[in-house]
């Protein structure tokens, strides 16, 4: 109870300060600068976001695997990008690979290995802020026991750039994908809201 009173007293004291708008502006300016710095550091280095979805097959039903890969960079064009999808111990068989690229004019080459134990994708160019999605059906090799199989699909990326970073959907990717909206909120909407509350408090006194 005492903690709540102290918190309310601090907020009320802060709102009563005549320089409250300047404090909020300075604080949000520093936060916006930090957000922008984080985003710039990620988008200026080789970085991709990876999302995977795997449904395990059984003896009587096929499974599936989906890989979504997004070029998070703002100025890096990945050239000669090769992506291979295989299974642990080659126990899984791939079939009917389908690809969807979220960019006009991009048609990567998809190669299904002769023995169906892997898939290879070849990109001449993967442009900045472009994503692609590949879906493939998966079945177990007839010689594999379903109960004892622990094989899962995994991907590998071969590209000339060194030190490529991989991100799963999270805070960093959220900042990149919604950078403009976040900065607009921090620099315009939230300060106006705080100043409006401050004006209301000043008039009520």
N, C-alpha and C. Protein backbone atom coordinates (compact mmCIF):
# COMPACT_ATOMS: atom_id res chain seq x y z
N UNK A 1 0.83 -1.20 0.00
CA UNK A 1 0.00 0.00 0.00
C UNK A 1 0.86 1.25 0.00
N UNK A 2 1.90 1.25 0.85
CA UNK A 2 2.80 2.40 0.90
C UNK A 2 3.50 2.60 -0.43
N UNK A 3 3.86 1.48 -1.09
CA UNK A 3 4.53 1.59 -2.38
C UNK A 3 3.65 2.27 -3.41
N UNK A 4 2.34 1.99 -3.39
CA UNK A 4 1.43 2.61 -4.35
C UNK A 4 1.31 4.11 -4.11
N UNK A 5 1.27 4.52 -2.85
CA UNK A 5 1.17 5.94 -2.53
C UNK A 5 2.40 6.69 -3.01
N UNK A 6 3.59 6.10 -2.79
CA UNK A 6 4.84 6.73 -3.23
C UNK A 6 4.86 6.87 -4.73
N UNK A 7 4.40 5.85 -5.46
CA UNK A 7 4.41 5.88 -6.92
C UNK A 7 3.49 6.96 -7.43
N UNK A 8 2.28 7.04 -6.86
CA UNK A 8 1.33 8.06 -7.28
C UNK A 8 1.84 9.46 -6.95
N UNK A 9 2.48 9.60 -5.79
CA UNK A 9 3.04 10.89 -5.41
C UNK A 9 4.15 11.32 -6.35
N UNK A 10 4.97 10.39 -6.79
CA UNK A 10 6.06 10.72 -7.70
C UNK A 10 5.52 11.18 -9.05
N UNK A 11 4.50 10.46 -9.57
CA UNK A 11 3.91 10.83 -10.86
C UNK A 11 3.25 12.20 -10.77
N UNK A 12 2.53 12.44 -9.69
CA UNK A 12 1.86 13.73 -9.52
C UNK A 12 2.88 14.86 -9.41
N UNK A 13 3.97 14.60 -8.68
CA UNK A 13 5.03 15.61 -8.56
C UNK A 13 5.66 15.91 -9.91
N UNK A 14 5.88 14.87 -10.69
CA UNK A 14 6.48 15.04 -12.01
C UNK A 14 5.57 15.83 -12.93
N UNK A 15 4.26 15.52 -12.88
CA UNK A 15 3.31 16.25 -13.72
C UNK A 15 3.20 17.72 -13.33
N UNK A 16 3.46 18.03 -12.07
CA UNK A 16 3.36 19.41 -11.60
C UNK A 16 4.58 20.24 -11.96
N UNK A 17 5.64 19.61 -12.39
CA UNK A 17 6.84 20.37 -12.75
C UNK A 17 6.61 21.15 -14.04
N UNK A 18 6.99 22.42 -14.10
CA UNK A 18 6.79 23.22 -15.31
C UNK A 18 7.64 22.75 -16.50
N UNK A 19 8.74 22.06 -16.20
CA UNK A 19 9.60 21.59 -17.30
C UNK A 19 9.31 20.13 -17.67
N UNK A 20 8.13 19.63 -17.29
CA UNK A 20 7.75 18.25 -17.60
C UNK A 20 7.80 17.95 -19.10
N UNK A 21 7.24 18.80 -20.00
CA UNK A 21 7.31 18.50 -21.44
C UNK A 21 8.73 18.34 -21.96
N UNK A 22 9.67 19.14 -21.42
CA UNK A 22 11.05 19.05 -21.88
C UNK A 22 11.70 17.74 -21.43
N UNK A 23 11.35 17.31 -20.19
CA UNK A 23 11.89 16.04 -19.68
C UNK A 23 11.41 14.87 -20.54
N UNK A 24 10.10 14.86 -20.86
CA UNK A 24 9.54 13.79 -21.69
C UNK A 24 10.16 13.78 -23.09
N UNK A 25 10.31 14.98 -23.67
CA UNK A 25 10.90 15.08 -25.00
C UNK A 25 12.32 14.54 -25.02
N UNK A 26 13.12 14.90 -24.00
CA UNK A 26 14.50 14.43 -23.92
C UNK A 26 14.55 12.91 -23.73
N UNK A 27 13.71 12.39 -22.84
CA UNK A 27 13.70 10.96 -22.56
C UNK A 27 13.31 10.15 -23.80
N UNK A 28 12.25 10.58 -24.48
CA UNK A 28 11.80 9.85 -25.66
C UNK A 28 12.77 10.00 -26.83
N UNK A 29 13.46 11.15 -26.88
CA UNK A 29 14.48 11.32 -27.90
C UNK A 29 15.61 10.32 -27.73
N UNK A 30 16.02 10.09 -26.47
CA UNK A 30 17.08 9.12 -26.19
C UNK A 30 16.62 7.70 -26.53
N UNK A 31 15.34 7.39 -26.20
CA UNK A 31 14.82 6.06 -26.50
C UNK A 31 14.75 5.85 -28.01
N UNK A 32 14.27 6.84 -28.74
CA UNK A 32 14.18 6.73 -30.19
C UNK A 32 15.56 6.57 -30.82
N UNK A 33 16.55 7.29 -30.28
CA UNK A 33 17.92 7.16 -30.78
C UNK A 33 18.44 5.74 -30.55
N UNK A 34 18.14 5.17 -29.37
CA UNK A 34 18.58 3.81 -29.08
C UNK A 34 17.92 2.79 -29.99
N UNK A 35 16.61 2.94 -30.23
CA UNK A 35 15.90 2.03 -31.13
C UNK A 35 16.47 2.10 -32.54
N UNK A 36 16.69 3.32 -33.03
CA UNK A 36 17.24 3.49 -34.37
C UNK A 36 18.64 2.90 -34.49
N UNK A 37 19.47 3.05 -33.45
CA UNK A 37 20.82 2.51 -33.48
C UNK A 37 20.82 0.99 -33.56
N UNK A 38 19.91 0.36 -32.79
CA UNK A 38 19.81 -1.11 -32.83
C UNK A 38 19.40 -1.58 -34.22
N UNK A 39 18.40 -0.93 -34.79
CA UNK A 39 17.90 -1.33 -36.11
C UNK A 39 18.98 -1.13 -37.17
N UNK A 40 19.67 0.00 -37.12
CA UNK A 40 20.73 0.26 -38.11
C UNK A 40 21.85 -0.76 -38.02
N UNK A 41 22.20 -1.18 -36.80
CA UNK A 41 23.29 -2.15 -36.64
C UNK A 41 22.92 -3.51 -37.22
N UNK A 42 21.62 -3.86 -37.14
CA UNK A 42 21.18 -5.15 -37.68
C UNK A 42 21.06 -5.08 -39.20
N UNK A 43 20.43 -4.02 -39.71
CA UNK A 43 20.16 -3.93 -41.14
C UNK A 43 21.41 -3.62 -41.96
N UNK A 44 22.51 -3.28 -41.31
CA UNK A 44 23.75 -3.00 -42.06
C UNK A 44 24.69 -4.20 -42.08
N UNK A 45 24.32 -5.31 -41.44
CA UNK A 45 25.13 -6.53 -41.44
C UNK A 45 24.30 -7.67 -42.04
N UNK A 46 24.95 -8.70 -42.58
CA UNK A 46 24.20 -9.83 -43.16
C UNK A 46 23.31 -10.50 -42.12
N UNK A 47 22.00 -10.37 -42.27
CA UNK A 47 21.08 -10.91 -41.27
C UNK A 47 19.80 -11.38 -41.95
N UNK A 48 19.33 -12.54 -41.54
CA UNK A 48 18.08 -13.08 -42.06
C UNK A 48 17.23 -13.56 -40.89
N UNK A 49 15.92 -13.49 -41.07
CA UNK A 49 15.00 -14.03 -40.08
C UNK A 49 14.50 -15.38 -40.57
N UNK A 50 14.49 -16.37 -39.70
CA UNK A 50 14.13 -17.74 -40.06
C UNK A 50 12.92 -18.19 -39.25
N UNK A 51 11.93 -18.73 -39.95
CA UNK A 51 10.76 -19.33 -39.29
C UNK A 51 10.57 -20.74 -39.86
N UNK A 52 10.44 -21.72 -38.96
CA UNK A 52 10.27 -23.11 -39.38
C UNK A 52 9.00 -23.70 -38.78
N UNK A 53 8.36 -24.55 -39.55
CA UNK A 53 7.18 -25.27 -39.07
C UNK A 53 7.24 -26.70 -39.58
N UNK A 54 7.24 -27.66 -38.67
CA UNK A 54 7.45 -29.06 -39.05
C UNK A 54 6.34 -29.93 -38.46
N UNK A 55 5.70 -30.71 -39.32
CA UNK A 55 4.72 -31.71 -38.89
C UNK A 55 5.31 -33.08 -39.19
N UNK A 56 5.54 -33.87 -38.15
CA UNK A 56 6.23 -35.14 -38.30
C UNK A 56 5.36 -36.16 -39.02
N UNK A 57 5.93 -36.90 -39.98
CA UNK A 57 5.15 -37.91 -40.69
C UNK A 57 5.01 -39.19 -39.87
N UNK A 58 4.07 -40.02 -40.24
CA UNK A 58 3.90 -41.34 -39.64
C UNK A 58 3.88 -42.36 -40.78
N UNK A 59 3.73 -43.61 -40.43
CA UNK A 59 3.75 -44.67 -41.45
C UNK A 59 2.58 -44.55 -42.43
N UNK A 60 1.46 -44.01 -41.96
CA UNK A 60 0.27 -43.95 -42.81
C UNK A 60 -0.05 -42.53 -43.28
N UNK A 61 0.69 -41.54 -42.84
CA UNK A 61 0.36 -40.17 -43.19
C UNK A 61 1.64 -39.36 -43.41
N UNK A 62 1.62 -38.55 -44.48
CA UNK A 62 2.77 -37.70 -44.76
C UNK A 62 2.80 -36.48 -43.82
N UNK A 63 4.00 -36.01 -43.58
CA UNK A 63 4.17 -34.79 -42.81
C UNK A 63 4.47 -33.62 -43.74
N UNK A 64 4.90 -32.52 -43.16
CA UNK A 64 5.22 -31.35 -43.98
C UNK A 64 6.28 -30.50 -43.27
N UNK A 65 6.91 -29.67 -44.06
CA UNK A 65 7.94 -28.76 -43.53
C UNK A 65 7.81 -27.43 -44.26
N UNK A 66 7.81 -26.34 -43.49
CA UNK A 66 7.74 -25.01 -44.08
C UNK A 66 8.89 -24.17 -43.55
N UNK A 67 9.59 -23.53 -44.46
CA UNK A 67 10.70 -22.64 -44.11
C UNK A 67 10.41 -21.27 -44.70
N UNK A 68 10.40 -20.25 -43.85
CA UNK A 68 10.24 -18.87 -44.29
C UNK A 68 11.51 -18.12 -43.94
N UNK A 69 12.14 -17.53 -44.95
CA UNK A 69 13.40 -16.82 -44.73
C UNK A 69 13.26 -15.40 -45.27
N UNK A 70 13.59 -14.42 -44.44
CA UNK A 70 13.45 -13.01 -44.80
C UNK A 70 14.79 -12.31 -44.73
N UNK A 71 15.14 -11.58 -45.77
CA UNK A 71 16.34 -10.76 -45.76
C UNK A 71 16.05 -9.49 -44.97
N UNK A 72 16.59 -9.40 -43.76
CA UNK A 72 16.30 -8.27 -42.87
C UNK A 72 17.11 -7.02 -43.20
N UNK A 73 18.11 -7.16 -44.04
CA UNK A 73 19.01 -6.03 -44.28
C UNK A 73 18.33 -4.99 -45.16
N UNK A 74 18.81 -3.75 -45.05
CA UNK A 74 18.23 -2.66 -45.84
C UNK A 74 19.04 -2.37 -47.10
N UNK A 75 20.25 -2.93 -47.22
CA UNK A 75 21.07 -2.61 -48.38
C UNK A 75 21.95 -3.73 -48.87
N UNK A 76 21.75 -4.96 -48.36
CA UNK A 76 22.60 -6.08 -48.78
C UNK A 76 21.82 -7.00 -49.69
N UNK A 77 22.32 -7.19 -50.90
CA UNK A 77 21.72 -8.09 -51.87
C UNK A 77 22.52 -9.39 -51.86
N UNK A 78 21.94 -10.46 -51.32
CA UNK A 78 22.64 -11.74 -51.25
C UNK A 78 22.70 -12.35 -52.65
N UNK A 79 23.91 -12.51 -53.17
CA UNK A 79 24.10 -13.05 -54.51
C UNK A 79 24.63 -14.47 -54.43
N UNK A 80 24.15 -15.34 -55.32
CA UNK A 80 24.60 -16.73 -55.32
C UNK A 80 24.25 -17.46 -54.04
N UNK A 81 23.07 -17.16 -53.50
CA UNK A 81 22.64 -17.77 -52.24
C UNK A 81 22.13 -19.18 -52.51
N UNK A 82 22.68 -20.16 -51.79
CA UNK A 82 22.26 -21.55 -51.92
C UNK A 82 21.76 -22.05 -50.58
N UNK A 83 20.55 -22.60 -50.58
CA UNK A 83 19.94 -23.12 -49.36
C UNK A 83 19.63 -24.60 -49.56
N UNK A 84 20.13 -25.43 -48.66
CA UNK A 84 19.85 -26.86 -48.74
C UNK A 84 19.03 -27.29 -47.54
N UNK A 85 18.07 -28.16 -47.79
CA UNK A 85 17.22 -28.70 -46.73
C UNK A 85 17.40 -30.22 -46.74
N UNK A 86 17.82 -30.76 -45.61
CA UNK A 86 18.06 -32.19 -45.50
C UNK A 86 17.48 -32.68 -44.18
N UNK A 87 17.57 -33.97 -43.96
CA UNK A 87 17.10 -34.54 -42.70
C UNK A 87 18.24 -35.23 -41.98
N UNK A 88 18.12 -35.31 -40.68
CA UNK A 88 19.12 -36.00 -39.88
C UNK A 88 19.16 -37.48 -40.28
N UNK A 89 20.36 -37.97 -40.56
CA UNK A 89 20.57 -39.38 -40.94
C UNK A 89 19.84 -39.75 -42.23
N UNK A 90 19.32 -38.76 -42.97
CA UNK A 90 18.64 -39.00 -44.24
C UNK A 90 17.49 -40.00 -44.12
N UNK A 91 16.75 -39.92 -43.03
CA UNK A 91 15.63 -40.83 -42.82
C UNK A 91 14.33 -40.30 -43.43
N UNK A 92 14.29 -39.01 -43.76
CA UNK A 92 13.08 -38.41 -44.30
C UNK A 92 13.20 -38.25 -45.82
N UNK A 93 12.09 -38.42 -46.50
CA UNK A 93 12.04 -38.25 -47.95
C UNK A 93 11.18 -37.02 -48.27
N UNK A 94 11.71 -36.15 -49.13
CA UNK A 94 11.01 -34.92 -49.50
C UNK A 94 10.31 -35.11 -50.84
N UNK A 95 9.18 -34.44 -51.01
CA UNK A 95 8.45 -34.51 -52.28
C UNK A 95 7.60 -33.25 -52.45
N UNK A 96 7.31 -32.94 -53.70
CA UNK A 96 6.43 -31.83 -54.07
C UNK A 96 6.83 -30.51 -53.41
N UNK A 97 8.08 -30.06 -53.60
CA UNK A 97 8.47 -28.76 -53.01
C UNK A 97 7.82 -27.60 -53.76
N UNK A 98 7.26 -26.66 -53.03
CA UNK A 98 6.63 -25.48 -53.61
C UNK A 98 7.22 -24.24 -52.96
N UNK A 99 7.45 -23.22 -53.77
CA UNK A 99 8.08 -22.01 -53.26
C UNK A 99 7.24 -20.79 -53.63
N UNK A 100 7.20 -19.86 -52.69
CA UNK A 100 6.50 -18.59 -52.90
C UNK A 100 7.44 -17.47 -52.50
N UNK A 101 7.76 -16.60 -53.44
CA UNK A 101 8.68 -15.50 -53.18
C UNK A 101 7.90 -14.19 -53.16
N UNK A 102 8.09 -13.40 -52.12
CA UNK A 102 7.35 -12.15 -51.97
C UNK A 102 8.11 -11.01 -52.64
N UNK A 103 8.37 -11.16 -53.93
CA UNK A 103 9.02 -10.11 -54.71
C UNK A 103 8.79 -10.41 -56.18
N UNK A 104 8.41 -9.42 -56.97
CA UNK A 104 8.15 -9.67 -58.39
C UNK A 104 9.43 -9.97 -59.16
N UNK A 105 9.34 -10.91 -60.08
CA UNK A 105 10.46 -11.20 -60.96
C UNK A 105 11.51 -12.13 -60.39
N UNK A 106 11.33 -12.61 -59.15
CA UNK A 106 12.31 -13.51 -58.54
C UNK A 106 11.83 -14.95 -58.68
N UNK A 107 12.56 -15.76 -59.41
CA UNK A 107 12.20 -17.15 -59.62
C UNK A 107 13.41 -18.03 -59.34
N UNK A 108 13.62 -18.40 -58.07
CA UNK A 108 14.78 -19.22 -57.74
C UNK A 108 14.66 -20.63 -58.31
N UNK A 109 15.78 -21.24 -58.49
CA UNK A 109 15.85 -22.61 -59.01
C UNK A 109 15.74 -23.58 -57.85
N UNK A 110 14.79 -24.51 -57.92
CA UNK A 110 14.58 -25.51 -56.88
C UNK A 110 14.97 -26.88 -57.42
N UNK A 111 15.86 -27.55 -56.72
CA UNK A 111 16.37 -28.86 -57.16
C UNK A 111 16.04 -29.90 -56.10
N UNK A 112 15.31 -30.93 -56.48
CA UNK A 112 15.03 -32.06 -55.60
C UNK A 112 16.05 -33.14 -55.90
N UNK A 113 16.78 -33.59 -54.90
CA UNK A 113 17.83 -34.58 -55.11
C UNK A 113 17.24 -35.87 -55.68
N UNK A 114 18.03 -36.59 -56.49
CA UNK A 114 17.51 -37.81 -57.15
C UNK A 114 16.94 -38.83 -56.18
N UNK A 115 17.54 -38.96 -55.00
CA UNK A 115 17.05 -39.94 -54.04
C UNK A 115 16.05 -39.33 -53.06
N UNK A 116 15.66 -38.06 -53.29
CA UNK A 116 14.62 -37.37 -52.53
C UNK A 116 14.95 -37.16 -51.05
N UNK A 117 16.25 -37.23 -50.70
CA UNK A 117 16.62 -37.02 -49.30
C UNK A 117 17.00 -35.57 -49.01
N UNK A 118 16.84 -34.70 -49.99
CA UNK A 118 17.19 -33.30 -49.78
C UNK A 118 16.65 -32.40 -50.87
N UNK A 119 16.60 -31.10 -50.56
CA UNK A 119 16.15 -30.08 -51.51
C UNK A 119 17.19 -28.98 -51.53
N UNK A 120 17.48 -28.45 -52.71
CA UNK A 120 18.42 -27.34 -52.84
C UNK A 120 17.74 -26.19 -53.57
N UNK A 121 17.90 -24.98 -53.03
CA UNK A 121 17.37 -23.78 -53.66
C UNK A 121 18.55 -22.89 -54.04
N UNK A 122 18.50 -22.34 -55.23
CA UNK A 122 19.55 -21.46 -55.70
C UNK A 122 18.96 -20.09 -56.05
N UNK A 123 19.46 -19.06 -55.37
CA UNK A 123 19.04 -17.68 -55.65
C UNK A 123 20.18 -16.94 -56.33
N UNK A 124 19.89 -16.34 -57.46
CA UNK A 124 20.88 -15.44 -58.04
C UNK A 124 20.99 -14.18 -57.21
N UNK A 125 19.84 -13.66 -56.80
CA UNK A 125 19.81 -12.47 -55.95
C UNK A 125 18.67 -12.61 -54.95
N UNK A 126 18.96 -12.30 -53.70
CA UNK A 126 17.91 -12.18 -52.69
C UNK A 126 17.95 -10.74 -52.20
N UNK A 127 17.00 -9.96 -52.66
CA UNK A 127 17.01 -8.52 -52.44
C UNK A 127 16.71 -8.16 -50.99
N UNK A 128 17.10 -6.95 -50.57
CA UNK A 128 16.81 -6.49 -49.21
C UNK A 128 15.30 -6.47 -48.94
N UNK A 129 14.94 -6.83 -47.70
CA UNK A 129 13.55 -6.81 -47.23
C UNK A 129 12.63 -7.72 -48.04
N UNK A 130 13.19 -8.79 -48.61
CA UNK A 130 12.40 -9.75 -49.38
C UNK A 130 12.34 -11.07 -48.62
N UNK A 131 11.19 -11.71 -48.66
CA UNK A 131 11.01 -13.00 -47.98
C UNK A 131 10.59 -14.06 -48.99
N UNK A 132 10.94 -15.30 -48.69
CA UNK A 132 10.43 -16.41 -49.49
C UNK A 132 9.98 -17.52 -48.55
N UNK A 133 9.07 -18.33 -49.06
CA UNK A 133 8.49 -19.43 -48.28
C UNK A 133 8.54 -20.69 -49.12
N UNK A 134 9.05 -21.76 -48.54
CA UNK A 134 9.05 -23.05 -49.23
C UNK A 134 8.28 -24.07 -48.39
N UNK A 135 7.41 -24.78 -49.05
CA UNK A 135 6.64 -25.86 -48.42
C UNK A 135 6.96 -27.17 -49.13
N UNK A 136 7.13 -28.22 -48.37
CA UNK A 136 7.39 -29.52 -48.96
C UNK A 136 6.73 -30.62 -48.14
N UNK A 137 6.31 -31.66 -48.83
CA UNK A 137 5.75 -32.81 -48.14
C UNK A 137 6.89 -33.73 -47.70
N UNK A 138 6.69 -34.43 -46.59
CA UNK A 138 7.73 -35.30 -46.04
C UNK A 138 7.13 -36.65 -45.69
N UNK A 139 7.86 -37.69 -46.03
CA UNK A 139 7.47 -39.05 -45.64
C UNK A 139 8.69 -39.77 -45.08
N UNK A 140 8.43 -40.81 -44.32
CA UNK A 140 9.52 -41.60 -43.75
C UNK A 140 10.00 -42.67 -44.73
N UNK A 141 11.29 -42.91 -44.72
CA UNK A 141 11.82 -44.02 -45.49
C UNK A 141 11.20 -45.32 -44.99
N UNK A 142 10.88 -46.21 -45.91
CA UNK A 142 10.19 -47.45 -45.53
C UNK A 142 11.01 -48.31 -44.58
N UNK A 143 12.31 -48.12 -44.57
CA UNK A 143 13.16 -48.93 -43.70
C UNK A 143 13.26 -48.36 -42.29
N UNK A 144 12.65 -47.20 -42.07
CA UNK A 144 12.78 -46.52 -40.77
C UNK A 144 11.59 -46.86 -39.89
N UNK A 145 11.90 -47.13 -38.63
CA UNK A 145 10.86 -47.39 -37.65
C UNK A 145 10.35 -46.04 -37.11
N UNK A 146 9.05 -45.80 -37.26
CA UNK A 146 8.47 -44.51 -36.87
C UNK A 146 8.70 -44.22 -35.40
N UNK A 147 8.55 -45.23 -34.56
CA UNK A 147 8.66 -45.02 -33.12
C UNK A 147 10.08 -44.61 -32.71
N UNK A 148 11.07 -45.11 -33.41
CA UNK A 148 12.46 -44.85 -33.01
C UNK A 148 13.09 -43.69 -33.78
N UNK A 149 12.40 -43.19 -34.80
CA UNK A 149 12.97 -42.13 -35.62
C UNK A 149 12.94 -40.79 -34.89
N UNK A 150 14.09 -40.13 -34.86
CA UNK A 150 14.20 -38.80 -34.27
C UNK A 150 14.69 -37.78 -35.30
N UNK A 151 14.58 -38.16 -36.55
CA UNK A 151 15.08 -37.31 -37.63
C UNK A 151 14.18 -36.10 -37.82
N UNK A 152 14.79 -34.94 -38.02
CA UNK A 152 14.05 -33.72 -38.29
C UNK A 152 14.72 -32.99 -39.46
N UNK A 153 13.96 -32.19 -40.21
CA UNK A 153 14.58 -31.42 -41.29
C UNK A 153 15.45 -30.30 -40.72
N UNK A 154 16.49 -29.96 -41.42
CA UNK A 154 17.31 -28.81 -41.05
C UNK A 154 17.84 -28.18 -42.32
N UNK A 155 18.14 -26.89 -42.25
CA UNK A 155 18.58 -26.17 -43.43
C UNK A 155 20.00 -25.66 -43.24
N UNK A 156 20.67 -25.45 -44.35
CA UNK A 156 22.00 -24.84 -44.37
C UNK A 156 22.03 -23.76 -45.44
N UNK A 157 22.76 -22.70 -45.17
CA UNK A 157 22.86 -21.59 -46.12
C UNK A 157 24.32 -21.43 -46.54
N UNK A 158 24.53 -21.35 -47.84
CA UNK A 158 25.87 -21.13 -48.38
C UNK A 158 25.85 -19.80 -49.13
N UNK A 159 26.66 -18.88 -48.67
CA UNK A 159 26.70 -17.55 -49.30
C UNK A 159 28.08 -16.97 -49.08
N UNK A 160 28.49 -16.08 -50.00
CA UNK A 160 29.84 -15.55 -49.93
C UNK A 160 30.07 -14.67 -48.70
N UNK A 161 29.01 -14.03 -48.18
CA UNK A 161 29.17 -13.16 -47.02
C UNK A 161 29.47 -13.98 -45.77
N UNK A 162 30.42 -13.53 -45.00
CA UNK A 162 30.78 -14.21 -43.76
C UNK A 162 30.03 -13.58 -42.58
N UNK A 163 29.84 -14.36 -41.56
CA UNK A 163 29.24 -13.83 -40.34
C UNK A 163 27.76 -13.52 -40.46
N UNK A 164 27.03 -14.30 -41.24
CA UNK A 164 25.59 -14.07 -41.36
C UNK A 164 24.90 -14.38 -40.04
N UNK A 165 24.00 -13.50 -39.62
CA UNK A 165 23.28 -13.69 -38.36
C UNK A 165 21.87 -14.19 -38.66
N UNK A 166 21.39 -15.10 -37.81
CA UNK A 166 20.05 -15.65 -37.97
C UNK A 166 19.21 -15.23 -36.78
N UNK A 167 18.01 -14.75 -37.08
CA UNK A 167 17.10 -14.32 -36.04
C UNK A 167 15.78 -15.05 -36.19
N UNK A 168 15.21 -15.47 -35.07
CA UNK A 168 13.86 -15.97 -35.06
C UNK A 168 12.94 -14.80 -34.71
N UNK A 169 11.64 -14.89 -35.01
CA UNK A 169 10.76 -13.78 -34.69
C UNK A 169 10.86 -13.39 -33.22
N UNK A 170 11.12 -12.15 -32.95
CA UNK A 170 11.29 -11.68 -31.58
C UNK A 170 11.38 -10.17 -31.54
N UNK A 171 11.98 -9.65 -30.47
CA UNK A 171 12.02 -8.20 -30.27
C UNK A 171 12.80 -7.51 -31.38
N UNK A 172 13.95 -8.05 -31.75
CA UNK A 172 14.78 -7.39 -32.77
C UNK A 172 14.06 -7.34 -34.12
N UNK A 173 13.47 -8.47 -34.52
CA UNK A 173 12.77 -8.48 -35.80
C UNK A 173 11.51 -7.62 -35.74
N UNK A 174 10.87 -7.54 -34.58
CA UNK A 174 9.70 -6.68 -34.43
C UNK A 174 10.09 -5.21 -34.61
N UNK A 175 11.24 -4.83 -34.05
CA UNK A 175 11.72 -3.45 -34.20
C UNK A 175 11.98 -3.12 -35.67
N UNK A 176 12.59 -4.07 -36.39
CA UNK A 176 12.92 -3.83 -37.80
C UNK A 176 11.65 -3.72 -38.65
N UNK A 177 10.72 -4.63 -38.45
CA UNK A 177 9.54 -4.68 -39.29
C UNK A 177 8.57 -3.53 -39.02
N UNK A 178 8.62 -2.98 -37.80
CA UNK A 178 7.69 -1.90 -37.45
C UNK A 178 8.44 -0.65 -36.99
N UNK A 179 9.60 -0.44 -37.59
CA UNK A 179 10.45 0.68 -37.17
C UNK A 179 9.74 2.02 -37.29
N UNK A 180 9.14 2.29 -38.43
CA UNK A 180 8.51 3.58 -38.66
C UNK A 180 7.36 3.82 -37.67
N UNK A 181 6.52 2.81 -37.49
CA UNK A 181 5.40 2.95 -36.56
C UNK A 181 5.85 3.18 -35.13
N UNK A 182 6.89 2.46 -34.71
CA UNK A 182 7.41 2.63 -33.34
C UNK A 182 7.99 4.02 -33.14
N UNK A 183 8.77 4.49 -34.12
CA UNK A 183 9.38 5.81 -34.00
C UNK A 183 8.32 6.92 -34.04
N UNK A 184 7.30 6.75 -34.87
CA UNK A 184 6.21 7.73 -34.89
C UNK A 184 5.50 7.79 -33.55
N UNK A 185 5.28 6.62 -32.94
CA UNK A 185 4.63 6.58 -31.64
C UNK A 185 5.49 7.25 -30.57
N UNK A 186 6.80 6.92 -30.57
CA UNK A 186 7.69 7.47 -29.55
C UNK A 186 7.91 8.98 -29.72
N UNK A 187 7.96 9.43 -30.95
CA UNK A 187 8.33 10.83 -31.21
C UNK A 187 7.14 11.77 -31.34
N UNK A 188 5.94 11.23 -31.63
CA UNK A 188 4.79 12.11 -31.85
C UNK A 188 3.62 11.77 -30.93
N UNK A 189 3.09 10.55 -31.04
CA UNK A 189 1.86 10.20 -30.34
C UNK A 189 2.04 10.23 -28.83
N UNK A 190 3.05 9.52 -28.33
CA UNK A 190 3.25 9.44 -26.88
C UNK A 190 3.59 10.80 -26.26
N UNK A 191 4.50 11.59 -26.85
CA UNK A 191 4.75 12.93 -26.28
C UNK A 191 3.51 13.80 -26.24
N UNK A 192 2.70 13.77 -27.31
CA UNK A 192 1.47 14.58 -27.31
C UNK A 192 0.51 14.12 -26.22
N UNK A 193 0.44 12.80 -26.01
CA UNK A 193 -0.41 12.27 -24.95
C UNK A 193 0.07 12.74 -23.58
N UNK A 194 1.38 12.68 -23.34
CA UNK A 194 1.94 13.11 -22.06
C UNK A 194 1.73 14.61 -21.83
N UNK A 195 1.94 15.39 -22.89
CA UNK A 195 1.76 16.83 -22.76
C UNK A 195 0.28 17.17 -22.53
N UNK A 196 -0.61 16.42 -23.18
CA UNK A 196 -2.04 16.63 -22.95
C UNK A 196 -2.43 16.36 -21.51
N UNK A 197 -1.87 15.28 -20.93
CA UNK A 197 -2.14 14.99 -19.52
C UNK A 197 -1.57 16.08 -18.63
N UNK A 198 -0.37 16.55 -18.98
CA UNK A 198 0.28 17.62 -18.20
C UNK A 198 -0.56 18.90 -18.23
N UNK A 199 -1.08 19.27 -19.40
CA UNK A 199 -1.93 20.47 -19.52
C UNK A 199 -3.20 20.31 -18.69
N UNK A 200 -3.78 19.13 -18.73
CA UNK A 200 -4.99 18.88 -17.96
C UNK A 200 -4.73 19.02 -16.47
N UNK A 201 -3.58 18.51 -16.01
CA UNK A 201 -3.22 18.63 -14.58
C UNK A 201 -3.00 20.08 -14.20
N UNK A 202 -2.34 20.83 -15.07
CA UNK A 202 -2.07 22.24 -14.79
C UNK A 202 -3.36 23.04 -14.69
N UNK A 203 -4.32 22.76 -15.56
CA UNK A 203 -5.58 23.50 -15.54
C UNK A 203 -6.44 23.15 -14.35
N UNK A 204 -6.29 21.91 -13.86
CA UNK A 204 -7.11 21.47 -12.72
C UNK A 204 -6.65 22.07 -11.40
N UNK A 205 -5.46 22.68 -11.38
CA UNK A 205 -4.93 23.22 -10.13
C UNK A 205 -5.45 24.65 -9.89
